[in-house]
Amino acid sequence: MRPAKTGSTLPRNTGGQKGGQKGGQNEDLELDSTEFILEQIARNPHITRRELSKSVGMASSAIQKHIEKLKSSGRISRIGGDRGGHWEVCDE
C-alpha cells in the first residue's frame, strides 16, 4: 500500500556536477602550446588560425585564445588585415 501524500516533499538533488572538473587545464601544457604557436608564427608569419589549428591539433577557438594571450603580452602583433596581413614576433 502506498503512503498518502502530504503537503511536504522530500528534498531533491538539484545540484549540478559534483566536484567540478578534475584537474582543470594543465598550465605546463598551455605554456608549451603557446610557445609552439609562437614558433609556428615565427617560421611562417602568414600562417592562418586554421593552419595553426591543424599543426597544433587544437580547436581554432583555443588557438585564438593563445593568440590573444600572445598579443596582450606584447609577444606578437598583427600587421595589416586578416586577409593580406601577417604576424610579427616582437623582441622580448
C-alpha atoms as a PDB file:
ATOM      1  CA  MET A   1       0.000   0.000   0.000  1.00  0.00           C
ATOM      2  CA  ARG A   2       1.266   3.423  -0.936  1.00  0.00           C
ATOM      3  CA  PRO A   3       1.542   6.137   1.741  1.00  0.00           C
ATOM      4  CA  ALA A   4      -0.764   9.082   1.338  1.00  0.00           C
ATOM      5  CA  LYS A   5       0.742  12.287   0.012  1.00  0.00           C
ATOM      6  CA  THR A   6       1.185  15.078   2.481  1.00  0.00           C
ATOM      7  CA  GLY A   7       1.947  18.707   1.808  1.00  0.00           C
ATOM      8  CA  SER A   8       5.695  18.259   2.187  1.00  0.00           C
ATOM      9  CA  THR A   9       8.049  16.848  -0.367  1.00  0.00           C
ATOM     10  CA  LEU A  10      11.428  15.275   0.037  1.00  0.00           C
ATOM     11  CA  PRO A  11      14.379  17.432  -0.988  1.00  0.00           C
ATOM     12  CA  ARG A  12      15.528  16.693  -4.497  1.00  0.00           C
ATOM     13  CA  ASN A  13      19.063  16.625  -5.718  1.00  0.00           C
ATOM     14  CA  THR A  14      19.040  19.804  -7.781  1.00  0.00           C
ATOM     15  CA  GLY A  15      22.788  20.362  -7.784  1.00  0.00           C
ATOM     16  CA  GLY A  16      24.795  20.054 -10.941  1.00  0.00           C
ATOM     17  CA  GLN A  17      28.061  18.267 -11.402  1.00  0.00           C
ATOM     18  CA  LYS A  18      29.643  17.102  -8.151  1.00  0.00           C
ATOM     19  CA  GLY A  19      33.214  18.099  -7.522  1.00  0.00           C
ATOM     20  CA  GLY A  20      33.664  20.127 -10.674  1.00  0.00           C
ATOM     21  CA  GLN A  21      36.168  19.378 -13.368  1.00  0.00           C
ATOM     22  CA  LYS A  22      39.058  17.313 -12.089  1.00  0.00           C
ATOM     23  CA  GLY A  23      42.452  18.842 -12.606  1.00  0.00           C
ATOM     24  CA  GLY A  24      41.393  21.685 -14.863  1.00  0.00           C
ATOM     25  CA  GLN A  25      43.845  22.767 -17.519  1.00  0.00           C
ATOM     26  CA  ASN A  26      47.464  21.873 -17.137  1.00  0.00           C
ATOM     27  CA  GLU A  27      49.423  25.137 -17.096  1.00  0.00           C
ATOM     28  CA  ASP A  28      52.588  23.456 -18.396  1.00  0.00           C
ATOM     29  CA  LEU A  29      50.693  22.087 -21.390  1.00  0.00           C
ATOM     30  CA  GLU A  30      49.178  25.521 -22.020  1.00  0.00           C
ATOM     31  CA  LEU A  31      52.618  27.144 -21.871  1.00  0.00           C
ATOM     32  CA  ASP A  32      54.066  24.559 -24.248  1.00  0.00           C
ATOM     33  CA  SER A  33      51.177  25.114 -26.672  1.00  0.00           C
ATOM     34  CA  THR A  34      51.616  28.875 -26.538  1.00  0.00           C
ATOM     35  CA  GLU A  35      55.346  28.545 -27.180  1.00  0.00           C
ATOM     36  CA  PHE A  36      54.731  26.106 -30.036  1.00  0.00           C
ATOM     37  CA  ILE A  37      52.229  28.532 -31.597  1.00  0.00           C
ATOM     38  CA  LEU A  38      54.774  31.341 -31.234  1.00  0.00           C
ATOM     39  CA  GLU A  39      57.407  29.221 -33.008  1.00  0.00           C
ATOM     40  CA  GLN A  40      54.988  28.412 -35.825  1.00  0.00           C
ATOM     41  CA  ILE A  41      54.183  32.107 -36.270  1.00  0.00           C
ATOM     42  CA  ALA A  42      57.901  32.982 -36.283  1.00  0.00           C
ATOM     43  CA  ARG A  43      58.541  30.377 -39.010  1.00  0.00           C
ATOM     44  CA  ASN A  44      55.573  31.458 -41.124  1.00  0.00           C
ATOM     45  CA  PRO A  45      54.285  34.988 -40.411  1.00  0.00           C
ATOM     46  CA  HIS A  46      51.410  34.469 -42.884  1.00  0.00           C
ATOM     47  CA  ILE A  47      50.104  31.336 -41.106  1.00  0.00           C
ATOM     48  CA  THR A  48      46.357  31.258 -40.531  1.00  0.00           C
ATOM     49  CA  ARG A  49      44.463  30.233 -37.436  1.00  0.00           C
ATOM     50  CA  ARG A  50      43.157  27.218 -39.373  1.00  0.00           C
ATOM     51  CA  GLU A  51      46.702  26.149 -40.292  1.00  0.00           C
ATOM     52  CA  LEU A  52      47.810  26.599 -36.673  1.00  0.00           C
ATOM     53  CA  SER A  53      44.845  24.542 -35.541  1.00  0.00           C
ATOM     54  CA  LYS A  54      45.884  21.658 -37.784  1.00  0.00           C
ATOM     55  CA  SER A  55      49.578  21.795 -36.875  1.00  0.00           C
ATOM     56  CA  VAL A  56      48.984  22.074 -33.118  1.00  0.00           C
ATOM     57  CA  GLY A  57      45.990  19.738 -33.016  1.00  0.00           C
ATOM     58  CA  MET A  58      43.673  22.180 -31.213  1.00  0.00           C
ATOM     59  CA  ALA A  59      40.367  23.803 -31.971  1.00  0.00           C
ATOM     60  CA  SER A  60      40.680  27.149 -33.701  1.00  0.00           C
ATOM     61  CA  SER A  61      38.909  28.780 -30.737  1.00  0.00           C
ATOM     62  CA  ALA A  62      41.727  27.532 -28.467  1.00  0.00           C
ATOM     63  CA  ILE A  63      44.276  28.876 -30.958  1.00  0.00           C
ATOM     64  CA  GLN A  64      42.530  32.245 -30.812  1.00  0.00           C
ATOM     65  CA  LYS A  65      42.807  32.220 -27.003  1.00  0.00           C
ATOM     66  CA  HIS A  66      46.574  31.630 -27.238  1.00  0.00           C
ATOM     67  CA  ILE A  67      46.925  34.325 -29.923  1.00  0.00           C
ATOM     68  CA  GLU A  68      45.070  36.827 -27.729  1.00  0.00           C
ATOM     69  CA  LYS A  69      47.384  35.950 -24.834  1.00  0.00           C
ATOM     70  CA  LEU A  70      50.464  36.449 -27.041  1.00  0.00           C
ATOM     71  CA  LYS A  71      49.105  39.764 -28.352  1.00  0.00           C
ATOM     72  CA  SER A  72      48.190  41.094 -24.901  1.00  0.00           C
ATOM     73  CA  SER A  73      51.634  40.206 -23.553  1.00  0.00           C
ATOM     74  CA  GLY A  74      53.265  42.057 -26.466  1.00  0.00           C
ATOM     75  CA  ARG A  75      54.963  38.976 -27.907  1.00  0.00           C
ATOM     76  CA  ILE A  76      53.238  39.206 -31.298  1.00  0.00           C
ATOM     77  CA  SER A  77      51.401  41.845 -33.261  1.00  0.00           C
ATOM     78  CA  ARG A  78      49.291  41.753 -36.392  1.00  0.00           C
ATOM     79  CA  ILE A  79      50.461  43.882 -39.300  1.00  0.00           C
ATOM     80  CA  GLY A  80      47.733  44.548 -41.855  1.00  0.00           C
ATOM     81  CA  GLY A  81      44.309  42.992 -42.171  1.00  0.00           C
ATOM     82  CA  ASP A  82      43.015  39.472 -41.761  1.00  0.00           C
ATOM     83  CA  ARG A  83      43.475  38.516 -45.408  1.00  0.00           C
ATOM     84  CA  GLY A  84      46.564  40.395 -46.533  1.00  0.00           C
ATOM     85  CA  GLY A  85      48.378  40.860 -43.256  1.00  0.00           C
ATOM     86  CA  HIS A  86      50.978  38.923 -41.362  1.00  0.00           C
ATOM     87  CA  TRP A  87      52.208  38.294 -37.823  1.00  0.00           C
ATOM     88  CA  GLU A  88      55.263  39.932 -36.376  1.00  0.00           C
ATOM     89  CA  VAL A  89      57.068  38.343 -33.436  1.00  0.00           C
ATOM     90  CA  CYS A  90      58.225  41.110 -31.127  1.00  0.00           C
ATOM     91  CA  ASP A  91      61.580  41.043 -29.391  1.00  0.00           C
ATOM     92  CA  GLU A  92      61.366  40.432 -25.674  1.00  0.00           C
END
